[in-house]
Amino acid sequence: MKLRHFEALQPICPVCRTERNRDDSRLTIGSVTKSDDTSITEGILLCQSQDCQREFPIIDGIPLIIPHIRSWIESNISQLYARDDLGGITESLLTDCCGAGSEFESARQHVSSYTWDHYAEFDSNEPEGTHQPGQIVRLLDQCLAVANPIQEGPILDAGCGVGRTSFALAERTSELVLGIDLHYAMLRVASRVLSSETVRYPRRRVGIVYDVHDFPVQFPNSEIVDFWGCDAHSLPFRDGTFGTTVSMNMLDCVHSPMHFLQSVARVTSPGRQVMLACPYDWAPAATPIEGWLGGHSQRSKTEGESNLLLRSMLTPGDPNHVFPNMRLAGEADNLKWHVRLHDRSTMTYAVHLVVADITDE
């Protein structure tokens, strides 16, 4: 955790914010186990409110500021204890033992797909293929072209995954950039890039066969980037903390898209913008069907079309307009995004982009 980001963003306790509706419970740095002059690698953040005093760990340089921290750690303890120093042969044996569909192999699949697109263009051992990595950055640039120029204030990259969009945003601005996610294995990849300028990931070849790829990367302005573990439904920040919020392909991956939209709107300063890109790949494992924006109820006015419903929800005067402080400012549709599954399979999404102005209503 970079001290510069901690001091500038002044995070608050997400428990006090959610359960007590308090914005004055700032987090303070408690015990520190590993640190240097600019960052903390291992330690504890503490809520200063006497009737709370929740503790939030900093692990691998990643502060985990999550309201349900005990249950989250219990569910993700294997990722927190996971090693990244084993050779490919040993990791292959572990994958064979755990088997397809196991928690271990599932995490490797996610890391493989996202790290490939975010960083494989810098891998000298990456073979030529039909689809080229780096599509997430090209998609980001299309989003920025529709939005206003990035304005003053910190930038929130909500759902940063393994981090490339955060680095790309830092290349395009001088403002602090904070990437947040709840997937610890992917945050660890991002943190490793930040701290050591190296990428190490299991590249899926077929089935449960993976090849470990290890290569250097370097991004301009990386000193203004940091990565935190946060729940996008309960962001640990005061209202209007960020000048710009970007969320690439996350809206259909959260438990409650409505609460997510309310959350990012709350922490974005009035007069600034939120940029959302989404393929609407709804799945009940990630989002209960009651929370989907479209994708069902084709008897409705929008005939179940997610893009039409989101547009109407952000359009003042529309019967479906539900966000008084968010107003549709621009959009684009059918933008391409490729997710590599393995050597013989790449999924292509048609992404819908929405840019919303934040008002002070």
Protein backbone atom coordinates (compact mmCIF):
# COMPACT_ATOMS: atom_id res chain seq x y z
CA MET A 1 0.00 0.00 0.00
CA LYS A 2 1.49 3.28 -1.07
CA LEU A 3 1.49 5.90 1.66
CA ARG A 4 0.87 8.60 -0.95
CA HIS A 5 -2.43 7.00 -1.94
CA PHE A 6 -3.44 6.30 1.66
CA GLU A 7 -2.87 9.91 2.69
CA ALA A 8 -4.56 11.39 -0.38
CA LEU A 9 -7.63 9.14 -0.43
CA GLN A 10 -8.15 9.00 3.35
CA PRO A 11 -10.11 5.72 3.37
CA ILE A 12 -12.88 5.29 5.88
CA CYS A 13 -14.13 2.18 7.68
CA PRO A 14 -16.55 0.34 5.34
CA VAL A 15 -18.33 -1.20 8.35
CA CYS A 16 -19.08 2.19 9.89
CA ARG A 17 -20.05 3.52 6.45
CA THR A 18 -22.42 0.63 5.73
CA GLU A 19 -23.87 -0.18 9.14
CA ARG A 20 -23.77 3.23 10.85
CA ASN A 21 -23.89 5.54 7.83
CA ARG A 22 -20.84 7.37 9.18
CA ASP A 23 -18.24 9.05 6.97
CA ASP A 24 -15.99 10.25 9.81
CA SER A 25 -14.48 6.88 10.82
CA ARG A 26 -11.10 7.23 9.15
CA LEU A 27 -8.75 4.31 9.00
CA THR A 28 -5.37 4.70 10.63
CA ILE A 29 -2.19 2.69 10.22
CA GLY A 30 -1.91 0.26 13.10
CA SER A 31 0.90 -2.26 13.29
CA VAL A 32 3.44 -2.43 10.46
CA THR A 33 5.47 -5.60 9.85
CA LYS A 34 7.12 -4.84 6.50
CA SER A 35 7.56 -1.41 4.93
CA ASP A 36 9.88 1.09 3.30
CA ASP A 37 9.84 4.87 3.03
CA THR A 38 6.98 4.95 0.50
CA SER A 39 4.81 1.89 1.09
CA ILE A 40 3.63 -0.81 3.49
CA THR A 41 3.94 -4.41 2.38
CA GLU A 42 2.47 -6.04 5.48
CA GLY A 43 0.53 -4.55 8.36
CA ILE A 44 -2.90 -3.66 9.70
CA LEU A 45 -5.26 -0.74 9.19
CA LEU A 46 -7.47 0.13 12.14
CA CYS A 47 -10.82 1.92 12.38
CA GLN A 48 -10.31 4.81 14.81
CA SER A 49 -13.94 4.76 16.02
CA GLN A 50 -13.99 3.48 19.59
CA ASP A 51 -17.25 1.56 19.08
CA CYS A 52 -15.88 -0.29 16.02
CA GLN A 53 -12.08 -0.69 15.91
CA ARG A 54 -12.26 -3.16 13.03
CA GLU A 55 -8.92 -4.35 11.68
CA PHE A 56 -8.10 -4.67 7.97
CA PRO A 57 -4.91 -6.48 6.92
CA ILE A 58 -2.32 -5.37 4.39
CA ILE A 59 -0.90 -8.45 2.65
CA ASP A 60 1.57 -8.45 -0.27
CA GLY A 61 1.22 -4.66 -0.35
CA ILE A 62 -2.56 -4.94 -0.85
CA PRO A 63 -4.82 -3.45 1.85
CA LEU A 64 -7.99 -5.50 2.20
CA ILE A 65 -10.59 -2.88 3.18
CA ILE A 66 -13.64 -5.12 2.99
CA PRO A 67 -16.65 -4.81 5.34
CA HIS A 68 -17.19 -8.58 5.70
CA ILE A 69 -13.47 -9.14 6.18
CA ARG A 70 -13.73 -12.26 8.38
CA SER A 71 -15.96 -14.21 6.01
CA TRP A 72 -13.99 -12.96 2.98
CA ILE A 73 -10.70 -14.19 4.42
CA GLU A 74 -12.28 -17.52 5.36
CA SER A 75 -13.50 -17.94 1.76
CA ASN A 76 -10.21 -16.82 0.19
CA ILE A 77 -7.63 -18.22 2.57
CA SER A 78 -6.21 -20.57 -0.07
CA GLN A 79 -5.49 -17.59 -2.36
CA LEU A 80 -3.91 -15.65 0.49
CA TYR A 81 -1.58 -18.56 1.25
CA ALA A 82 -0.95 -19.42 -2.39
CA ARG A 83 2.66 -19.51 -3.59
CA ASP A 84 3.95 -18.03 -6.81
CA ASP A 85 7.51 -19.39 -6.65
CA LEU A 86 6.86 -22.99 -7.69
CA GLY A 87 8.08 -24.32 -11.03
CA GLY A 88 5.75 -25.26 -13.84
CA ILE A 89 6.21 -29.00 -13.31
CA THR A 90 5.25 -28.76 -9.63
CA GLU A 91 2.26 -26.55 -10.40
CA SER A 92 1.22 -29.07 -13.06
CA LEU A 93 1.26 -31.86 -10.49
CA LEU A 94 -0.81 -29.78 -8.05
CA THR A 95 -3.37 -29.03 -10.77
CA ASP A 96 -3.61 -32.73 -11.69
CA CYS A 97 -4.15 -33.61 -8.02
CA CYS A 98 -6.80 -30.93 -7.47
CA GLY A 99 -8.50 -31.65 -10.77
CA ALA A 100 -10.64 -29.65 -13.20
CA GLY A 101 -13.18 -27.39 -11.56
CA SER A 102 -11.30 -27.22 -8.26
CA GLU A 103 -10.78 -23.88 -6.53
CA PHE A 104 -7.07 -24.05 -7.37
CA GLU A 105 -7.64 -24.73 -11.06
CA SER A 106 -10.48 -22.21 -11.32
CA ALA A 107 -8.22 -19.45 -10.00
CA ARG A 108 -5.54 -20.45 -12.53
CA GLN A 109 -8.09 -20.22 -15.36
CA HIS A 110 -9.13 -16.71 -14.35
CA VAL A 111 -5.55 -15.53 -13.96
CA SER A 112 -4.60 -17.13 -17.28
CA SER A 113 -7.38 -15.48 -19.29
CA TYR A 114 -7.06 -11.98 -17.86
CA THR A 115 -3.28 -11.82 -17.58
CA TRP A 116 -2.93 -12.95 -21.19
CA ASP A 117 -5.04 -10.07 -22.49
CA HIS A 118 -3.53 -7.50 -20.12
CA TYR A 119 0.16 -8.32 -20.56
CA ALA A 120 0.97 -11.04 -23.11
CA GLU A 121 1.84 -8.47 -25.78
CA PHE A 122 5.07 -7.91 -23.81
CA ASP A 123 5.88 -11.65 -23.64
CA SER A 124 8.65 -12.58 -26.10
CA ASN A 125 7.48 -16.21 -25.90
CA GLU A 126 3.89 -15.46 -26.85
CA PRO A 127 3.09 -17.27 -30.14
CA GLU A 128 1.26 -15.58 -32.99
CA GLY A 129 -2.48 -16.13 -32.96
CA THR A 130 -5.76 -15.02 -34.50
CA HIS A 131 -6.51 -12.71 -31.59
CA GLN A 132 -3.85 -10.40 -30.23
CA PRO A 133 -3.57 -9.50 -26.54
CA GLY A 134 -4.04 -5.94 -25.33
CA GLN A 135 -7.69 -5.66 -26.35
CA ILE A 136 -8.63 -4.38 -22.86
CA VAL A 137 -6.44 -1.29 -23.42
CA ARG A 138 -7.87 -0.72 -26.89
CA LEU A 139 -11.35 -0.96 -25.35
CA LEU A 140 -10.34 1.53 -22.65
CA ASP A 141 -9.15 4.00 -25.29
CA GLN A 142 -12.51 3.71 -27.06
CA CYS A 143 -14.20 4.52 -23.75
CA LEU A 144 -11.98 7.55 -23.18
CA ALA A 145 -12.74 8.79 -26.70
CA VAL A 146 -16.48 8.90 -25.90
CA ALA A 147 -16.00 10.54 -22.48
CA ASN A 148 -14.78 14.01 -21.62
CA PRO A 149 -11.02 14.44 -21.12
CA ILE A 150 -9.91 13.10 -17.75
CA GLN A 151 -10.35 15.88 -15.23
CA GLU A 152 -8.63 16.79 -11.99
CA GLY A 153 -8.85 14.32 -9.12
CA PRO A 154 -7.90 10.72 -8.33
CA ILE A 155 -9.08 8.01 -10.71
CA LEU A 156 -10.87 4.88 -9.53
CA ASP A 157 -10.45 1.74 -11.67
CA ALA A 158 -13.26 -0.43 -10.30
CA GLY A 159 -12.74 -4.09 -11.16
CA CYS A 160 -9.11 -3.66 -12.23
CA GLY A 161 -8.41 -7.41 -12.33
CA VAL A 162 -4.69 -7.94 -12.97
CA GLY A 163 -4.13 -4.23 -13.36
CA ARG A 164 -3.33 -3.26 -16.94
CA THR A 165 -6.11 -0.68 -17.22
CA SER A 166 -4.79 1.07 -14.10
CA PHE A 167 -1.34 1.35 -15.67
CA ALA A 168 -2.88 2.52 -18.96
CA LEU A 169 -4.82 5.24 -17.14
CA ALA A 170 -1.62 6.37 -15.42
CA GLU A 171 0.03 6.72 -18.84
CA ARG A 172 -2.76 9.07 -19.91
CA THR A 173 -2.89 11.35 -16.84
CA SER A 174 -0.89 12.70 -13.93
CA GLU A 175 -3.63 11.98 -11.38
CA LEU A 176 -3.38 9.22 -8.77
CA VAL A 177 -4.88 5.95 -10.01
CA LEU A 178 -6.35 3.34 -7.67
CA GLY A 179 -7.29 -0.12 -8.97
CA ILE A 180 -9.67 -2.14 -6.80
CA ASP A 181 -10.91 -5.71 -7.03
CA LEU A 182 -12.01 -8.60 -4.80
CA HIS A 183 -10.22 -11.38 -6.70
CA TYR A 184 -7.02 -11.74 -4.68
CA ALA A 185 -5.14 -13.96 -7.13
CA MET A 186 -5.54 -11.30 -9.81
CA LEU A 187 -4.68 -8.46 -7.42
CA ARG A 188 -1.48 -10.33 -6.57
CA VAL A 189 -0.50 -10.32 -10.26
CA ALA A 190 -1.12 -6.57 -10.40
CA SER A 191 0.83 -5.97 -7.19
CA ARG A 192 3.76 -8.00 -8.49
CA VAL A 193 3.89 -5.92 -11.68
CA LEU A 194 3.83 -2.77 -9.56
CA SER A 195 6.54 -3.82 -7.13
CA SER A 196 8.93 -5.84 -9.32
CA GLU A 197 8.00 -4.96 -12.93
CA THR A 198 7.55 -8.63 -13.77
CA VAL A 199 4.62 -10.74 -14.89
CA ARG A 200 4.41 -14.39 -13.88
CA TYR A 201 1.30 -16.34 -14.74
CA PRO A 202 0.03 -19.78 -15.78
CA ARG A 203 -0.88 -19.63 -19.48
CA ARG A 204 -3.52 -22.26 -20.20
CA ARG A 205 -2.71 -24.49 -23.17
CA VAL A 206 -5.58 -27.03 -23.06
CA GLY A 207 -7.67 -28.70 -20.35
CA ILE A 208 -5.69 -28.42 -17.12
CA VAL A 209 -2.36 -28.08 -18.91
CA TYR A 210 -0.67 -24.74 -18.18
CA ASP A 211 2.72 -23.25 -19.07
CA VAL A 212 4.22 -20.79 -16.60
CA HIS A 213 5.30 -17.59 -18.37
CA ASP A 214 7.62 -15.10 -16.70
CA PHE A 215 8.69 -11.82 -18.35
CA PRO A 216 9.53 -8.18 -17.53
CA VAL A 217 7.22 -5.22 -18.10
CA GLN A 218 7.62 -1.52 -17.49
CA PHE A 219 4.99 1.21 -17.53
CA PRO A 220 5.42 5.00 -17.38
CA ASN A 221 4.06 6.77 -14.30
CA SER A 222 3.62 3.53 -12.34
CA GLU A 223 4.48 5.47 -9.18
CA ILE A 224 0.98 7.00 -9.25
CA VAL A 225 -0.73 3.57 -9.32
CA ASP A 226 -1.78 1.41 -6.38
CA PHE A 227 -4.00 -1.65 -5.90
CA TRP A 228 -6.41 -2.28 -3.02
CA GLY A 229 -8.84 -5.06 -2.17
CA CYS A 230 -12.28 -3.41 -1.85
CA ASP A 231 -15.91 -4.39 -2.25
CA ALA A 232 -17.39 -2.16 -4.95
CA HIS A 233 -20.77 -2.31 -3.18
CA SER A 234 -19.22 -0.76 -0.04
CA LEU A 235 -16.42 1.50 -1.18
CA PRO A 236 -14.40 2.80 1.80
CA PHE A 237 -14.26 6.41 0.64
CA ARG A 238 -16.06 9.66 1.36
CA ASP A 239 -18.55 11.05 -1.14
CA GLY A 240 -16.93 12.67 -4.18
CA THR A 241 -13.42 11.33 -3.50
CA PHE A 242 -12.65 10.58 -7.16
CA GLY A 243 -12.52 12.81 -10.19
CA THR A 244 -13.18 9.94 -12.62
CA THR A 245 -14.41 6.37 -12.20
CA VAL A 246 -13.78 3.68 -14.81
CA SER A 247 -15.23 0.18 -14.70
CA MET A 248 -14.36 -2.24 -17.46
CA ASN A 249 -16.53 -5.34 -17.77
CA MET A 250 -17.55 -5.54 -14.14
CA LEU A 251 -21.22 -4.56 -14.00
CA ASP A 252 -22.34 -8.13 -14.82
CA CYS A 253 -19.93 -9.65 -12.27
CA VAL A 254 -21.18 -8.02 -9.05
CA HIS A 255 -23.85 -9.28 -6.66
CA SER A 256 -26.04 -6.19 -7.07
CA PRO A 257 -25.51 -4.01 -10.16
CA MET A 258 -27.91 -1.40 -8.75
CA HIS A 259 -25.92 -1.04 -5.52
CA PHE A 260 -22.69 -1.01 -7.52
CA LEU A 261 -23.91 1.89 -9.67
CA GLN A 262 -25.06 3.79 -6.59
CA SER A 263 -21.70 3.16 -4.93
CA VAL A 264 -19.50 4.39 -7.80
CA ALA A 265 -21.76 7.41 -8.29
CA ARG A 266 -21.45 8.30 -4.62
CA VAL A 267 -17.64 8.37 -4.59
CA THR A 268 -17.36 10.29 -7.89
CA SER A 269 -17.32 14.06 -7.62
CA PRO A 270 -20.30 16.01 -9.07
CA GLY A 271 -19.51 17.44 -12.48
CA ARG A 272 -17.26 14.48 -13.31
CA GLN A 273 -17.94 11.19 -15.11
CA VAL A 274 -18.34 7.45 -14.65
CA MET A 275 -17.37 5.20 -17.58
CA LEU A 276 -18.92 1.73 -17.71
CA ALA A 277 -18.21 -1.00 -20.26
CA CYS A 278 -20.18 -4.25 -20.07
CA PRO A 279 -20.98 -7.27 -22.30
CA TYR A 280 -23.99 -8.23 -20.12
CA ASP A 281 -22.80 -11.82 -19.75
CA TRP A 282 -25.18 -12.48 -16.88
CA ALA A 283 -24.66 -15.59 -14.77
CA PRO A 284 -26.56 -16.54 -11.58
CA ALA A 285 -23.30 -17.68 -9.94
CA ALA A 286 -22.15 -14.04 -9.91
CA THR A 287 -25.44 -12.11 -9.83
CA PRO A 288 -28.84 -13.42 -8.70
CA ILE A 289 -31.26 -13.18 -11.60
CA GLU A 290 -33.34 -10.65 -9.62
CA GLY A 291 -30.36 -8.31 -9.81
CA TRP A 292 -29.76 -8.56 -13.55
CA LEU A 293 -30.32 -5.43 -15.59
CA GLY A 294 -32.27 -7.04 -18.39
CA GLY A 295 -31.46 -10.53 -19.55
CA HIS A 296 -34.95 -11.65 -18.54
CA SER A 297 -38.58 -10.48 -18.68
CA GLN A 298 -38.71 -9.99 -22.44
CA ARG A 299 -42.35 -9.00 -22.01
CA SER A 300 -41.16 -5.64 -20.64
CA LYS A 301 -40.91 -2.40 -22.62
CA THR A 302 -37.19 -3.02 -23.24
CA GLU A 303 -37.88 -6.67 -24.20
CA GLY A 304 -35.15 -7.86 -21.83
CA GLU A 305 -32.39 -5.92 -23.62
CA SER A 306 -29.77 -4.90 -21.03
CA ASN A 307 -28.36 -1.98 -23.01
CA LEU A 308 -31.81 -0.46 -23.49
CA LEU A 309 -32.65 -0.83 -19.81
CA LEU A 310 -29.39 0.73 -18.59
CA ARG A 311 -29.83 3.61 -21.05
CA SER A 312 -33.34 4.30 -19.77
CA MET A 313 -32.20 4.07 -16.13
CA LEU A 314 -29.71 6.88 -16.81
CA THR A 315 -32.01 9.10 -18.89
CA PRO A 316 -33.87 11.85 -16.99
CA GLY A 317 -37.57 11.88 -17.80
CA ASP A 318 -37.64 8.21 -18.70
CA PRO A 319 -40.07 6.12 -16.58
CA ASN A 320 -37.16 3.80 -15.70
CA HIS A 321 -34.84 6.62 -14.57
CA VAL A 322 -33.74 5.58 -11.07
CA PHE A 323 -30.42 7.38 -10.50
CA PRO A 324 -31.16 11.08 -9.82
CA ASN A 325 -27.45 11.97 -9.67
CA MET A 326 -26.44 10.08 -12.85
CA ARG A 327 -27.25 11.30 -16.36
CA LEU A 328 -26.40 9.58 -19.64
CA ALA A 329 -23.73 11.61 -21.45
CA GLY A 330 -22.65 9.27 -24.22
CA GLU A 331 -22.52 5.65 -25.33
CA ALA A 332 -21.17 3.26 -27.93
CA ASP A 333 -22.14 -0.34 -28.63
CA ASN A 334 -20.71 -3.54 -30.06
CA LEU A 335 -17.13 -2.75 -29.06
CA LYS A 336 -14.98 -5.88 -29.25
CA TRP A 337 -13.34 -7.58 -26.28
CA HIS A 338 -11.59 -10.95 -26.50
CA VAL A 339 -11.12 -13.36 -23.59
CA ARG A 340 -8.69 -16.18 -24.29
CA LEU A 341 -9.74 -19.48 -22.70
CA HIS A 342 -7.00 -21.75 -24.09
CA ASP A 343 -4.97 -22.32 -27.27
CA ARG A 344 -8.02 -23.41 -29.25
CA SER A 345 -10.68 -21.16 -27.79
CA THR A 346 -11.16 -17.41 -27.50
CA MET A 347 -14.46 -15.84 -26.51
CA THR A 348 -15.43 -12.60 -28.26
CA TYR A 349 -17.78 -10.17 -26.53
CA ALA A 350 -19.72 -7.25 -27.96
CA VAL A 351 -19.37 -4.62 -25.24
CA HIS A 352 -21.74 -1.75 -24.49
CA LEU A 353 -20.11 1.47 -23.28
CA VAL A 354 -21.97 4.04 -21.20
CA VAL A 355 -20.62 7.38 -19.98
CA ALA A 356 -22.63 9.06 -17.22
CA ASP A 357 -22.31 12.57 -15.82
CA ILE A 358 -22.48 12.83 -12.04
CA THR A 359 -24.71 15.65 -10.83
CA ASP A 360 -25.18 17.15 -7.36
CA GLU A 361 -28.88 16.30 -7.13
